[in-house]
Amino acid sequence: MYYLKNLLIGLATSVAAYLNPISGDIKSLLLCLQLTSYSAYWLGCWFITKVLALKRRSGAFLKRWRSL
């Protein structure tokens, strides 16, 4: 168990040391990924509330729903 713990700590520190020079790039990449995820989430929420509500009011949604 002690050997495995030391091996995992050694691997983690070596990966951290290897990625240290590009840590700023990694942080900005993660920030961009997070922003696109949030924007996709909010766009999905908007689509569900606005667009589907308009389809329900127009009756096209009900026609398709009844045909199933």
Protein backbone atom coordinates (compact mmCIF):
# COMPACT_ATOMS: atom_id res chain seq x y z
CA MET A 1 0.00 0.00 0.00
CA TYR A 2 2.83 2.35 0.87
CA TYR A 3 4.52 1.63 -2.47
CA LEU A 4 1.32 2.37 -4.42
CA LYS A 5 0.80 5.63 -2.56
CA ASN A 6 4.34 6.79 -3.35
CA LEU A 7 3.94 5.76 -6.98
CA LEU A 8 0.72 7.76 -7.39
CA ILE A 9 2.21 10.81 -5.69
CA GLY A 10 5.28 10.58 -7.90
CA LEU A 11 3.16 10.34 -11.03
CA ALA A 12 0.98 13.27 -10.00
CA THR A 13 3.95 15.51 -9.25
CA SER A 14 5.70 14.58 -12.49
CA VAL A 15 2.59 15.39 -14.53
CA ALA A 16 2.18 18.69 -12.67
CA ALA A 17 5.82 19.59 -13.30
CA TYR A 18 5.47 18.70 -16.98
CA LEU A 19 2.34 20.82 -17.43
CA ASN A 20 3.54 23.79 -15.37
CA PRO A 21 4.92 25.84 -18.34
CA ILE A 22 1.58 25.66 -20.15
CA SER A 23 -0.67 26.06 -17.13
CA GLY A 24 -1.91 29.44 -18.34
CA ASP A 25 -2.98 27.92 -21.64
CA ILE A 26 -4.75 25.09 -19.88
CA LYS A 27 -6.62 27.51 -17.61
CA SER A 28 -7.77 29.63 -20.55
CA LEU A 29 -8.84 26.51 -22.45
CA LEU A 30 -10.88 25.33 -19.47
CA LEU A 31 -12.42 28.80 -19.14
CA CYS A 32 -13.47 28.76 -22.80
CA LEU A 33 -14.93 25.28 -22.39
CA GLN A 34 -16.88 26.39 -19.32
CA LEU A 35 -18.23 29.49 -21.07
CA THR A 36 -19.41 27.50 -24.08
CA SER A 37 -21.07 24.97 -21.78
CA TYR A 38 -22.93 27.71 -19.92
CA SER A 39 -24.00 29.41 -23.13
CA ALA A 40 -25.29 26.12 -24.56
CA TYR A 41 -27.20 25.48 -21.33
CA TRP A 42 -28.86 28.89 -21.36
CA LEU A 43 -29.62 28.64 -25.07
CA GLY A 44 -31.31 25.30 -24.43
CA CYS A 45 -33.35 26.79 -21.61
CA TRP A 46 -34.39 29.67 -23.84
CA PHE A 47 -35.34 27.29 -26.65
CA ILE A 48 -37.50 25.19 -24.39
CA THR A 49 -39.33 28.14 -22.87
CA LYS A 50 -39.78 30.38 -25.91
CA VAL A 51 -39.78 28.31 -29.08
CA LEU A 52 -41.75 25.36 -27.77
CA ALA A 53 -44.25 27.71 -26.14
CA LEU A 54 -44.83 29.36 -29.52
CA LYS A 55 -45.30 25.99 -31.17
CA ARG A 56 -47.80 24.95 -28.51
CA ARG A 57 -49.80 28.12 -29.01
CA SER A 58 -49.85 27.79 -32.79
CA GLY A 59 -51.30 24.30 -32.67
CA ALA A 60 -48.59 22.68 -34.79
CA PHE A 61 -47.24 21.02 -31.69
CA LEU A 62 -50.62 19.51 -30.84
CA LYS A 63 -51.15 18.18 -34.37
CA ARG A 64 -47.84 16.36 -34.29
CA TRP A 65 -48.44 15.14 -30.75
CA ARG A 66 -51.83 13.66 -31.65
CA SER A 67 -50.44 11.92 -34.74
CA LEU A 68 -48.10 9.85 -32.57
